[in-house]
Amino acid sequence: MGTALLLPILLCVDARGNERMVDYRIVERAIPAPLTVQPGDPERGRRIVLDRDGGDCIICHVMPLPQREFHGTVGPSLDGVGRRYTAGALRLRIVDPKAINPETVMPAYYKVEGLHRVLDRYRGKPILTAQQVEDVVAYLLTLTQE
């Protein structure tokens, strides 16, 4: 029997200025349901993980992206992450990584409450939109080689 947590709908404007936060349910260390109706696009997700003003995942993680010379080593390597985790597990790690590990230094990319030391431009707004989260999840699922 699993545990579930339903987070309330937050009525605030996101980083793009027009999308409301959607509610999501955490079930057994995952958010099994997509945040959007439209499926994630892996190519858009790849661009987001490289975007210094967006995901910028490569600043902390080693990734199979040779076009960027320097990769971070603070977080775990994302090589093969699409084989190790489900879409729901990846989604939670992007949305609210502290739900899994309260000591993590990884930021929450789709959360606006209970955060500390938030840049003014992100105060009250998520770093990524719901669609961008889904795009990043779709991209990470393509990373199946170790």
N, C-alpha and C. Protein backbone atom coordinates (compact mmCIF):
# COMPACT_ATOMS: atom_id res chain seq x y z
N MET A 1 0.85 -1.18 0.00
CA MET A 1 0.00 0.00 0.00
C MET A 1 0.89 1.23 0.00
N GLY A 2 0.64 2.15 -0.91
CA GLY A 2 1.48 3.34 -1.05
C GLY A 2 0.92 4.51 -0.29
N THR A 3 1.75 5.51 -0.19
CA THR A 3 1.32 6.75 0.44
C THR A 3 1.15 7.79 -0.64
N ALA A 4 0.26 8.72 -0.40
CA ALA A 4 0.02 9.78 -1.38
C ALA A 4 -0.10 11.11 -0.66
N LEU A 5 0.34 12.14 -1.31
CA LEU A 5 0.24 13.48 -0.78
C LEU A 5 -0.31 14.35 -1.89
N LEU A 6 -1.41 15.03 -1.64
CA LEU A 6 -1.98 15.92 -2.64
C LEU A 6 -1.62 17.33 -2.26
N LEU A 7 -0.93 18.01 -3.15
CA LEU A 7 -0.55 19.39 -2.89
C LEU A 7 -1.60 20.31 -3.48
N PRO A 8 -1.91 21.41 -2.80
CA PRO A 8 -2.98 22.29 -3.27
C PRO A 8 -2.59 23.01 -4.55
N ILE A 9 -3.62 23.44 -5.26
CA ILE A 9 -3.40 24.27 -6.44
C ILE A 9 -2.94 25.64 -5.97
N LEU A 10 -1.88 26.12 -6.55
CA LEU A 10 -1.36 27.44 -6.21
C LEU A 10 -1.77 28.41 -7.31
N LEU A 11 -2.44 29.46 -6.94
CA LEU A 11 -2.93 30.40 -7.93
C LEU A 11 -1.95 31.55 -8.08
N CYS A 12 -0.86 31.30 -8.75
CA CYS A 12 0.12 32.35 -8.99
C CYS A 12 0.61 32.26 -10.42
N VAL A 13 1.16 33.31 -10.90
CA VAL A 13 1.64 33.37 -12.27
C VAL A 13 3.04 32.81 -12.32
N ASP A 14 3.36 32.07 -13.37
CA ASP A 14 4.68 31.46 -13.47
C ASP A 14 5.69 32.39 -14.14
N ALA A 15 6.86 31.85 -14.39
CA ALA A 15 7.96 32.61 -14.96
C ALA A 15 7.64 33.15 -16.35
N ARG A 16 6.69 32.59 -17.04
CA ARG A 16 6.32 33.06 -18.37
C ARG A 16 5.18 34.08 -18.31
N GLY A 17 4.58 34.25 -17.13
CA GLY A 17 3.61 35.30 -16.94
C GLY A 17 2.15 34.97 -17.16
N ASN A 18 1.82 33.73 -17.52
CA ASN A 18 0.40 33.49 -17.80
C ASN A 18 -0.10 32.11 -17.40
N GLU A 19 0.70 31.26 -16.90
CA GLU A 19 0.26 29.90 -16.57
C GLU A 19 0.09 29.75 -15.06
N ARG A 20 -0.98 29.15 -14.65
CA ARG A 20 -1.18 28.89 -13.23
C ARG A 20 -0.52 27.57 -12.86
N MET A 21 -0.07 27.49 -11.63
CA MET A 21 0.52 26.25 -11.13
C MET A 21 -0.56 25.17 -11.13
N VAL A 22 -0.17 23.97 -11.45
CA VAL A 22 -1.11 22.85 -11.41
C VAL A 22 -0.84 22.02 -10.17
N ASP A 23 -1.88 21.35 -9.69
CA ASP A 23 -1.69 20.48 -8.54
C ASP A 23 -1.07 19.17 -9.01
N TYR A 24 -0.44 18.49 -8.09
CA TYR A 24 0.15 17.19 -8.40
C TYR A 24 0.10 16.33 -7.16
N ARG A 25 0.18 15.04 -7.39
CA ARG A 25 0.09 14.07 -6.30
C ARG A 25 1.41 13.29 -6.24
N ILE A 26 1.99 13.26 -5.03
CA ILE A 26 3.20 12.47 -4.81
C ILE A 26 2.77 11.11 -4.29
N VAL A 27 3.19 10.07 -5.00
CA VAL A 27 2.86 8.69 -4.64
C VAL A 27 4.16 7.89 -4.65
N GLU A 28 4.52 7.36 -3.49
CA GLU A 28 5.71 6.50 -3.39
C GLU A 28 6.92 7.09 -4.10
N ARG A 29 7.32 8.27 -3.69
CA ARG A 29 8.54 8.93 -4.19
C ARG A 29 8.50 9.24 -5.69
N ALA A 30 7.31 9.56 -6.18
CA ALA A 30 7.14 9.90 -7.59
C ALA A 30 5.91 10.78 -7.77
N ILE A 31 5.86 11.49 -8.88
CA ILE A 31 4.65 12.18 -9.33
C ILE A 31 4.25 11.43 -10.59
N PRO A 32 3.38 10.42 -10.45
CA PRO A 32 3.09 9.54 -11.59
C PRO A 32 2.36 10.21 -12.75
N ALA A 33 1.52 11.19 -12.48
CA ALA A 33 0.74 11.83 -13.55
C ALA A 33 1.49 13.03 -14.12
N PRO A 34 1.50 13.16 -15.44
CA PRO A 34 2.13 14.34 -16.05
C PRO A 34 1.48 15.63 -15.55
N LEU A 35 2.24 16.71 -15.58
CA LEU A 35 1.72 18.01 -15.17
C LEU A 35 0.93 18.69 -16.27
N THR A 36 1.02 18.17 -17.49
CA THR A 36 0.36 18.78 -18.64
C THR A 36 -0.37 17.72 -19.46
N VAL A 37 -1.27 18.18 -20.30
CA VAL A 37 -1.96 17.29 -21.24
C VAL A 37 -1.04 16.99 -22.42
N GLN A 38 -0.33 18.01 -22.88
CA GLN A 38 0.59 17.83 -24.00
C GLN A 38 1.82 17.06 -23.53
N PRO A 39 2.21 16.02 -24.24
CA PRO A 39 3.40 15.26 -23.84
C PRO A 39 4.66 16.11 -23.92
N GLY A 40 5.65 15.72 -23.13
CA GLY A 40 6.93 16.41 -23.18
C GLY A 40 7.64 16.17 -24.49
N ASP A 41 8.43 17.14 -24.90
CA ASP A 41 9.20 17.06 -26.14
C ASP A 41 10.69 16.92 -25.77
N PRO A 42 11.31 15.79 -26.09
CA PRO A 42 12.71 15.56 -25.69
C PRO A 42 13.68 16.60 -26.25
N GLU A 43 13.45 17.09 -27.45
CA GLU A 43 14.37 18.08 -28.03
C GLU A 43 14.28 19.41 -27.28
N ARG A 44 13.06 19.83 -26.94
CA ARG A 44 12.92 21.04 -26.12
C ARG A 44 13.55 20.80 -24.76
N GLY A 45 13.37 19.61 -24.21
CA GLY A 45 13.98 19.28 -22.92
C GLY A 45 15.49 19.37 -22.95
N ARG A 46 16.11 18.90 -24.04
CA ARG A 46 17.56 18.99 -24.17
C ARG A 46 18.01 20.45 -24.16
N ARG A 47 17.27 21.31 -24.84
CA ARG A 47 17.62 22.73 -24.84
C ARG A 47 17.47 23.34 -23.45
N ILE A 48 16.46 22.92 -22.71
CA ILE A 48 16.23 23.45 -21.36
C ILE A 48 17.36 23.05 -20.42
N VAL A 49 17.82 21.80 -20.50
CA VAL A 49 18.89 21.38 -19.57
C VAL A 49 20.19 22.11 -19.85
N LEU A 50 20.36 22.64 -21.06
CA LEU A 50 21.55 23.41 -21.41
C LEU A 50 21.39 24.91 -21.18
N ASP A 51 20.17 25.38 -21.03
CA ASP A 51 19.87 26.81 -20.94
C ASP A 51 20.31 27.37 -19.59
N ARG A 52 21.22 28.31 -19.62
CA ARG A 52 21.73 28.91 -18.37
C ARG A 52 20.65 29.68 -17.61
N ASP A 53 19.61 30.13 -18.29
CA ASP A 53 18.51 30.84 -17.62
C ASP A 53 17.31 29.94 -17.38
N GLY A 54 17.44 28.66 -17.67
CA GLY A 54 16.35 27.71 -17.47
C GLY A 54 16.78 26.62 -16.52
N GLY A 55 16.84 25.40 -17.04
CA GLY A 55 17.22 24.27 -16.20
C GLY A 55 18.68 24.29 -15.79
N ASP A 56 19.56 24.52 -16.76
CA ASP A 56 21.01 24.53 -16.54
C ASP A 56 21.48 23.33 -15.71
N CYS A 57 20.92 22.16 -16.01
CA CYS A 57 21.23 20.94 -15.27
C CYS A 57 22.72 20.60 -15.32
N ILE A 58 23.34 20.96 -16.43
CA ILE A 58 24.73 20.59 -16.66
C ILE A 58 25.69 21.31 -15.71
N ILE A 59 25.22 22.35 -15.05
CA ILE A 59 26.08 23.05 -14.10
C ILE A 59 26.41 22.16 -12.89
N CYS A 60 25.54 21.21 -12.58
CA CYS A 60 25.75 20.32 -11.43
C CYS A 60 25.93 18.85 -11.82
N HIS A 61 25.49 18.47 -13.00
CA HIS A 61 25.48 17.06 -13.40
C HIS A 61 26.33 16.80 -14.64
N VAL A 62 27.00 15.66 -14.66
CA VAL A 62 27.63 15.18 -15.88
C VAL A 62 26.51 14.63 -16.76
N MET A 63 26.54 15.01 -18.04
CA MET A 63 25.51 14.58 -18.97
C MET A 63 26.15 14.23 -20.31
N PRO A 64 25.50 13.41 -21.12
CA PRO A 64 26.06 13.07 -22.43
C PRO A 64 25.81 14.20 -23.44
N LEU A 65 26.38 15.36 -23.16
CA LEU A 65 26.22 16.54 -24.00
C LEU A 65 27.61 17.12 -24.31
N PRO A 66 28.28 16.57 -25.32
CA PRO A 66 29.65 16.98 -25.60
C PRO A 66 29.80 18.43 -26.06
N GLN A 67 28.70 19.07 -26.47
CA GLN A 67 28.81 20.45 -26.92
C GLN A 67 29.12 21.42 -25.78
N ARG A 68 28.93 20.99 -24.55
CA ARG A 68 29.32 21.80 -23.39
C ARG A 68 30.56 21.19 -22.79
N GLU A 69 31.61 22.00 -22.72
CA GLU A 69 32.91 21.49 -22.30
C GLU A 69 32.96 21.12 -20.82
N PHE A 70 32.40 21.95 -19.96
CA PHE A 70 32.51 21.71 -18.52
C PHE A 70 31.18 21.25 -17.94
N HIS A 71 31.21 20.15 -17.23
CA HIS A 71 30.03 19.60 -16.58
C HIS A 71 30.27 19.62 -15.07
N GLY A 72 29.20 19.81 -14.31
CA GLY A 72 29.33 19.83 -12.86
C GLY A 72 29.49 18.44 -12.29
N THR A 73 29.95 18.41 -11.06
CA THR A 73 30.13 17.13 -10.36
C THR A 73 29.48 17.14 -8.98
N VAL A 74 28.69 18.17 -8.70
CA VAL A 74 28.00 18.25 -7.41
C VAL A 74 26.90 17.20 -7.32
N GLY A 75 26.14 17.06 -8.40
CA GLY A 75 25.06 16.08 -8.45
C GLY A 75 25.53 14.81 -9.14
N PRO A 76 24.71 13.78 -9.09
CA PRO A 76 25.08 12.52 -9.74
C PRO A 76 25.08 12.66 -11.26
N SER A 77 25.82 11.80 -11.92
CA SER A 77 25.82 11.75 -13.38
C SER A 77 24.41 11.39 -13.86
N LEU A 78 24.00 12.02 -14.95
CA LEU A 78 22.70 11.70 -15.53
C LEU A 78 22.81 10.72 -16.69
N ASP A 79 24.00 10.21 -16.94
CA ASP A 79 24.16 9.15 -17.94
C ASP A 79 23.32 7.95 -17.49
N GLY A 80 22.47 7.45 -18.34
CA GLY A 80 21.65 6.28 -18.03
C GLY A 80 20.47 6.53 -17.11
N VAL A 81 20.19 7.79 -16.79
CA VAL A 81 19.11 8.10 -15.85
C VAL A 81 17.74 7.64 -16.37
N GLY A 82 17.57 7.62 -17.68
CA GLY A 82 16.30 7.18 -18.26
C GLY A 82 16.04 5.70 -18.11
N ARG A 83 17.08 4.96 -17.81
CA ARG A 83 16.93 3.52 -17.57
C ARG A 83 16.75 3.23 -16.08
N ARG A 84 17.26 4.12 -15.24
CA ARG A 84 17.21 3.89 -13.79
C ARG A 84 15.92 4.37 -13.13
N TYR A 85 15.27 5.37 -13.72
CA TYR A 85 14.10 5.97 -13.08
C TYR A 85 12.90 6.00 -14.02
N THR A 86 11.73 5.98 -13.43
CA THR A 86 10.49 6.15 -14.19
C THR A 86 10.27 7.64 -14.46
N ALA A 87 9.35 7.94 -15.35
CA ALA A 87 8.99 9.33 -15.61
C ALA A 87 8.51 10.01 -14.33
N GLY A 88 7.71 9.32 -13.54
CA GLY A 88 7.20 9.89 -12.29
C GLY A 88 8.29 10.20 -11.28
N ALA A 89 9.27 9.32 -11.18
CA ALA A 89 10.38 9.54 -10.25
C ALA A 89 11.23 10.73 -10.72
N LEU A 90 11.48 10.83 -12.01
CA LEU A 90 12.23 11.97 -12.53
C LEU A 90 11.45 13.27 -12.32
N ARG A 91 10.14 13.22 -12.56
CA ARG A 91 9.29 14.40 -12.39
C ARG A 91 9.40 14.94 -10.97
N LEU A 92 9.32 14.08 -9.96
CA LEU A 92 9.42 14.54 -8.58
C LEU A 92 10.80 15.12 -8.30
N ARG A 93 11.85 14.51 -8.83
CA ARG A 93 13.20 15.01 -8.61
C ARG A 93 13.39 16.41 -9.20
N ILE A 94 12.65 16.74 -10.24
CA ILE A 94 12.72 18.07 -10.84
C ILE A 94 11.79 19.04 -10.09
N VAL A 95 10.58 18.61 -9.83
CA VAL A 95 9.57 19.47 -9.19
C VAL A 95 9.99 19.85 -7.77
N ASP A 96 10.33 18.88 -6.95
CA ASP A 96 10.63 19.13 -5.53
C ASP A 96 11.59 18.07 -5.00
N PRO A 97 12.88 18.19 -5.29
CA PRO A 97 13.84 17.17 -4.86
C PRO A 97 13.93 16.99 -3.35
N LYS A 98 13.58 18.01 -2.58
CA LYS A 98 13.62 17.89 -1.12
C LYS A 98 12.55 16.93 -0.59
N ALA A 99 11.54 16.63 -1.39
CA ALA A 99 10.54 15.64 -0.99
C ALA A 99 11.17 14.26 -0.88
N ILE A 100 12.28 14.05 -1.58
CA ILE A 100 13.00 12.78 -1.54
C ILE A 100 14.18 12.86 -0.58
N ASN A 101 14.92 13.95 -0.66
CA ASN A 101 16.10 14.14 0.18
C ASN A 101 16.10 15.56 0.74
N PRO A 102 15.68 15.74 1.98
CA PRO A 102 15.61 17.08 2.56
C PRO A 102 16.95 17.81 2.61
N GLU A 103 18.05 17.09 2.51
CA GLU A 103 19.38 17.71 2.58
C GLU A 103 19.95 18.08 1.21
N THR A 104 19.25 17.80 0.14
CA THR A 104 19.79 18.07 -1.20
C THR A 104 20.01 19.57 -1.42
N VAL A 105 20.99 19.88 -2.25
CA VAL A 105 21.22 21.27 -2.65
C VAL A 105 20.56 21.58 -3.99
N MET A 106 19.97 20.57 -4.61
CA MET A 106 19.29 20.78 -5.89
C MET A 106 18.06 21.65 -5.67
N PRO A 107 17.88 22.68 -6.52
CA PRO A 107 16.71 23.54 -6.35
C PRO A 107 15.43 22.85 -6.82
N ALA A 108 14.31 23.33 -6.29
CA ALA A 108 12.99 22.88 -6.74
C ALA A 108 12.64 23.70 -7.97
N TYR A 109 12.38 23.04 -9.08
CA TYR A 109 12.12 23.74 -10.33
C TYR A 109 10.65 24.04 -10.56
N TYR A 110 9.75 23.45 -9.76
CA TYR A 110 8.32 23.72 -9.93
C TYR A 110 7.66 23.79 -8.57
N LYS A 111 8.17 24.67 -7.74
CA LYS A 111 7.64 24.87 -6.40
C LYS A 111 7.88 26.34 -6.06
N VAL A 112 6.97 26.94 -5.31
CA VAL A 112 7.13 28.35 -4.98
C VAL A 112 7.04 28.64 -3.49
N GLU A 113 6.62 27.68 -2.70
CA GLU A 113 6.47 27.92 -1.27
C GLU A 113 7.51 27.14 -0.48
N GLY A 114 7.89 27.68 0.68
CA GLY A 114 8.82 26.99 1.56
C GLY A 114 10.25 27.00 1.07
N LEU A 115 10.58 27.93 0.19
CA LEU A 115 11.94 28.02 -0.35
C LEU A 115 12.72 29.11 0.37
N HIS A 116 14.03 29.01 0.33
CA HIS A 116 14.90 29.99 0.98
C HIS A 116 15.88 30.56 -0.04
N ARG A 117 16.27 31.79 0.16
CA ARG A 117 17.27 32.45 -0.70
C ARG A 117 16.88 32.38 -2.17
N VAL A 118 15.68 32.82 -2.48
CA VAL A 118 15.15 32.80 -3.85
C VAL A 118 15.52 34.13 -4.53
N LEU A 119 16.05 34.05 -5.74
CA LEU A 119 16.32 35.26 -6.51
C LEU A 119 15.03 36.03 -6.73
N ASP A 120 15.13 37.35 -6.74
CA ASP A 120 13.94 38.19 -6.90
C ASP A 120 13.14 37.82 -8.14
N ARG A 121 13.81 37.51 -9.25
CA ARG A 121 13.08 37.22 -10.49
C ARG A 121 12.27 35.93 -10.42
N TYR A 122 12.56 35.07 -9.42
CA TYR A 122 11.81 33.82 -9.27
C TYR A 122 10.88 33.82 -8.05
N ARG A 123 10.87 34.89 -7.29
CA ARG A 123 10.03 34.94 -6.10
C ARG A 123 8.56 34.82 -6.49
N GLY A 124 7.90 33.79 -5.97
CA GLY A 124 6.49 33.55 -6.28
C GLY A 124 6.25 32.89 -7.62
N LYS A 125 7.33 32.50 -8.31
CA LYS A 125 7.23 31.88 -9.63
C LYS A 125 8.12 30.64 -9.67
N PRO A 126 7.72 29.62 -10.39
CA PRO A 126 8.61 28.47 -10.53
C PRO A 126 9.73 28.78 -11.52
N ILE A 127 10.82 28.05 -11.43
CA ILE A 127 11.92 28.22 -12.39
C ILE A 127 11.47 27.74 -13.76
N LEU A 128 10.79 26.61 -13.80
CA LEU A 128 10.30 26.04 -15.05
C LEU A 128 8.78 26.00 -15.05
N THR A 129 8.18 26.08 -16.23
CA THR A 129 6.74 25.88 -16.36
C THR A 129 6.44 24.39 -16.28
N ALA A 130 5.17 24.06 -16.13
CA ALA A 130 4.77 22.64 -16.12
C ALA A 130 5.18 21.96 -17.42
N GLN A 131 5.01 22.65 -18.56
CA GLN A 131 5.39 22.06 -19.85
C GLN A 131 6.90 21.85 -19.93
N GLN A 132 7.66 22.79 -19.42
CA GLN A 132 9.11 22.63 -19.43
C GLN A 132 9.54 21.45 -18.56
N VAL A 133 8.89 21.26 -17.42
CA VAL A 133 9.19 20.08 -16.59
C VAL A 133 8.95 18.83 -17.41
N GLU A 134 7.83 18.75 -18.10
CA GLU A 134 7.52 17.56 -18.91
C GLU A 134 8.52 17.39 -20.05
N ASP A 135 8.97 18.49 -20.63
CA ASP A 135 9.98 18.40 -21.69
C ASP A 135 11.30 17.85 -21.15
N VAL A 136 11.71 18.30 -19.98
CA VAL A 136 12.95 17.80 -19.37
C VAL A 136 12.80 16.33 -19.02
N VAL A 137 11.67 15.94 -18.47
CA VAL A 137 11.43 14.52 -18.16
C VAL A 137 11.55 13.70 -19.45
N ALA A 138 10.91 14.16 -20.52
CA ALA A 138 10.97 13.43 -21.80
C ALA A 138 12.41 13.29 -22.28
N TYR A 139 13.20 14.34 -22.14
CA TYR A 139 14.61 14.27 -22.55
C TYR A 139 15.38 13.29 -21.66
N LEU A 140 15.23 13.41 -20.36
CA LEU A 140 15.98 12.53 -19.45
C LEU A 140 15.65 11.06 -19.70
N LEU A 141 14.42 10.77 -20.08
CA LEU A 141 14.05 9.38 -20.38
C LEU A 141 14.79 8.83 -21.60
N THR A 142 15.32 9.71 -22.45
CA THR A 142 16.10 9.24 -23.61
C THR A 142 17.53 8.87 -23.22
N LEU A 143 17.96 9.25 -22.04
CA LEU A 143 19.34 8.99 -21.61
C LEU A 143 19.42 7.60 -21.00
N THR A 144 19.57 6.61 -21.85
CA THR A 144 19.55 5.21 -21.39
C THR A 144 20.93 4.55 -21.41
N GLN A 145 21.92 5.22 -21.98
CA GLN A 145 23.27 4.66 -22.04
C GLN A 145 24.08 5.11 -20.83
N GLU A 146 24.78 4.19 -20.21
CA GLU A 146 25.66 4.52 -19.07
C GLU A 146 26.95 5.11 -19.57
